[in-house]
């Protein structure tokens, strides 16, 4: 029996796969766009601003985003990585099952 969290992750993965199968190219890039935005903000806050502050002697406030952004970012990152892992595993399984596969 699946737990609620497993069912939720599976449902989110299905939504992600359905979005990836659409013809709209931005929908396919929307999750990576949000992921890249979060990574860039982390890079700015934790590397660039402290570096500037250290060498220039300036007090530069970090970029603060609401906790809802980070909650959503974590959920998107989790579902995205789960979906990519499952996709790769299915691809490996499909490759191993092909009769013309040269994998020993």
Protein backbone atom coordinates (compact mmCIF):
# COMPACT_ATOMS: atom_id res chain seq x y z
CA UNK A 1 0.00 0.00 0.00
CA UNK A 2 1.39 3.37 -1.01
CA UNK A 3 1.69 6.18 1.48
CA UNK A 4 0.11 9.56 0.86
CA UNK A 5 3.49 11.09 0.05
CA UNK A 6 4.29 8.40 -2.54
CA UNK A 7 0.89 8.92 -4.18
CA UNK A 8 1.44 12.68 -4.20
CA UNK A 9 4.90 12.34 -5.79
CA UNK A 10 3.53 9.93 -8.37
CA UNK A 11 0.67 12.30 -9.22
CA UNK A 12 3.06 15.23 -9.58
CA UNK A 13 5.33 13.15 -11.80
CA UNK A 14 2.36 12.28 -14.03
CA UNK A 15 1.49 15.97 -14.34
CA UNK A 16 5.08 16.78 -15.23
CA UNK A 17 5.20 14.04 -17.88
CA UNK A 18 1.90 15.26 -19.35
CA UNK A 19 3.28 18.82 -19.50
CA UNK A 20 6.46 17.60 -21.19
CA UNK A 21 4.40 15.85 -23.86
CA UNK A 22 2.68 19.11 -24.84
CA UNK A 23 3.62 21.07 -27.93
CA UNK A 24 4.13 24.29 -25.93
CA UNK A 25 7.90 24.71 -25.60
CA UNK A 26 7.74 27.14 -22.67
CA UNK A 27 5.74 24.66 -20.59
CA UNK A 28 8.55 22.20 -21.15
CA UNK A 29 11.08 24.77 -19.89
CA UNK A 30 9.01 26.28 -17.07
CA UNK A 31 10.27 24.00 -14.32
CA UNK A 32 13.91 24.35 -15.34
CA UNK A 33 13.37 28.14 -15.48
CA UNK A 34 12.18 28.16 -11.86
CA UNK A 35 15.02 25.84 -10.85
CA UNK A 36 17.63 28.03 -12.55
CA UNK A 37 16.16 31.16 -10.94
CA UNK A 38 16.49 29.60 -7.48
CA UNK A 39 20.05 28.45 -8.18
CA UNK A 40 21.03 31.90 -9.48
CA UNK A 41 19.57 33.59 -6.40
CA UNK A 42 21.44 31.15 -4.15
CA UNK A 43 24.64 31.85 -6.07
CA UNK A 44 24.17 35.61 -5.78
CA UNK A 45 23.28 35.49 -2.06
CA UNK A 46 25.91 32.98 -0.97
CA UNK A 47 28.84 33.65 -3.31
CA UNK A 48 28.72 36.93 -5.21
CA UNK A 49 27.32 39.31 -2.56
CA UNK A 50 29.61 38.04 0.23
CA UNK A 51 32.56 38.28 -2.15
CA UNK A 52 31.70 41.88 -3.06
CA UNK A 53 31.12 42.72 0.61
CA UNK A 54 34.48 41.25 1.59
CA UNK A 55 36.56 42.95 -1.06
CA UNK A 56 34.71 46.28 -1.29
CA UNK A 57 33.81 46.62 2.39
CA UNK A 58 30.17 47.26 1.56
CA UNK A 59 27.09 45.99 3.35
CA UNK A 60 24.94 44.56 0.59
CA UNK A 61 21.60 43.09 1.63
CA UNK A 62 20.76 39.66 0.19
CA UNK A 63 17.88 39.08 -2.19
CA UNK A 64 15.05 37.87 0.00
CA UNK A 65 12.23 35.87 -1.51
CA UNK A 66 9.14 34.70 0.34
CA UNK A 67 9.21 31.29 1.95
CA UNK A 68 6.46 30.19 -0.45
CA UNK A 69 8.93 30.55 -3.33
CA UNK A 70 11.43 28.30 -1.61
CA UNK A 71 8.72 25.80 -0.68
CA UNK A 72 7.57 25.68 -4.30
CA UNK A 73 11.19 25.57 -5.50
CA UNK A 74 11.91 22.56 -3.29
CA UNK A 75 8.79 20.78 -4.52
CA UNK A 76 9.62 21.47 -8.15
CA UNK A 77 13.23 20.36 -7.68
CA UNK A 78 12.07 17.14 -5.99
CA UNK A 79 9.49 16.27 -8.63
CA UNK A 80 11.86 17.22 -11.45
CA UNK A 81 14.68 15.06 -10.11
CA UNK A 82 12.27 12.19 -9.40
CA UNK A 83 10.84 12.41 -12.91
CA UNK A 84 14.28 12.56 -14.55
CA UNK A 85 15.50 9.60 -12.48
CA UNK A 86 12.45 7.54 -13.37
CA UNK A 87 12.79 8.51 -17.03
CA UNK A 88 16.43 7.43 -17.08
CA UNK A 89 15.66 4.14 -15.31
CA UNK A 90 12.89 3.38 -17.78
CA UNK A 91 15.24 4.19 -20.65
CA UNK A 92 17.89 1.84 -19.22
CA UNK A 93 15.28 -0.89 -18.70
CA UNK A 94 14.03 -0.43 -22.27
CA UNK A 95 17.60 -0.59 -23.61
CA UNK A 96 18.33 -3.79 -21.66
CA UNK A 97 15.16 -5.46 -22.94
CA UNK A 98 15.92 -4.80 -26.63
CA UNK A 99 17.13 -7.92 -28.41
CA UNK A 100 19.62 -5.93 -30.50
CA UNK A 101 21.24 -4.40 -27.41
CA UNK A 102 25.02 -4.97 -27.18
CA UNK A 103 25.25 -4.66 -23.41
CA UNK A 104 27.03 -7.62 -21.78
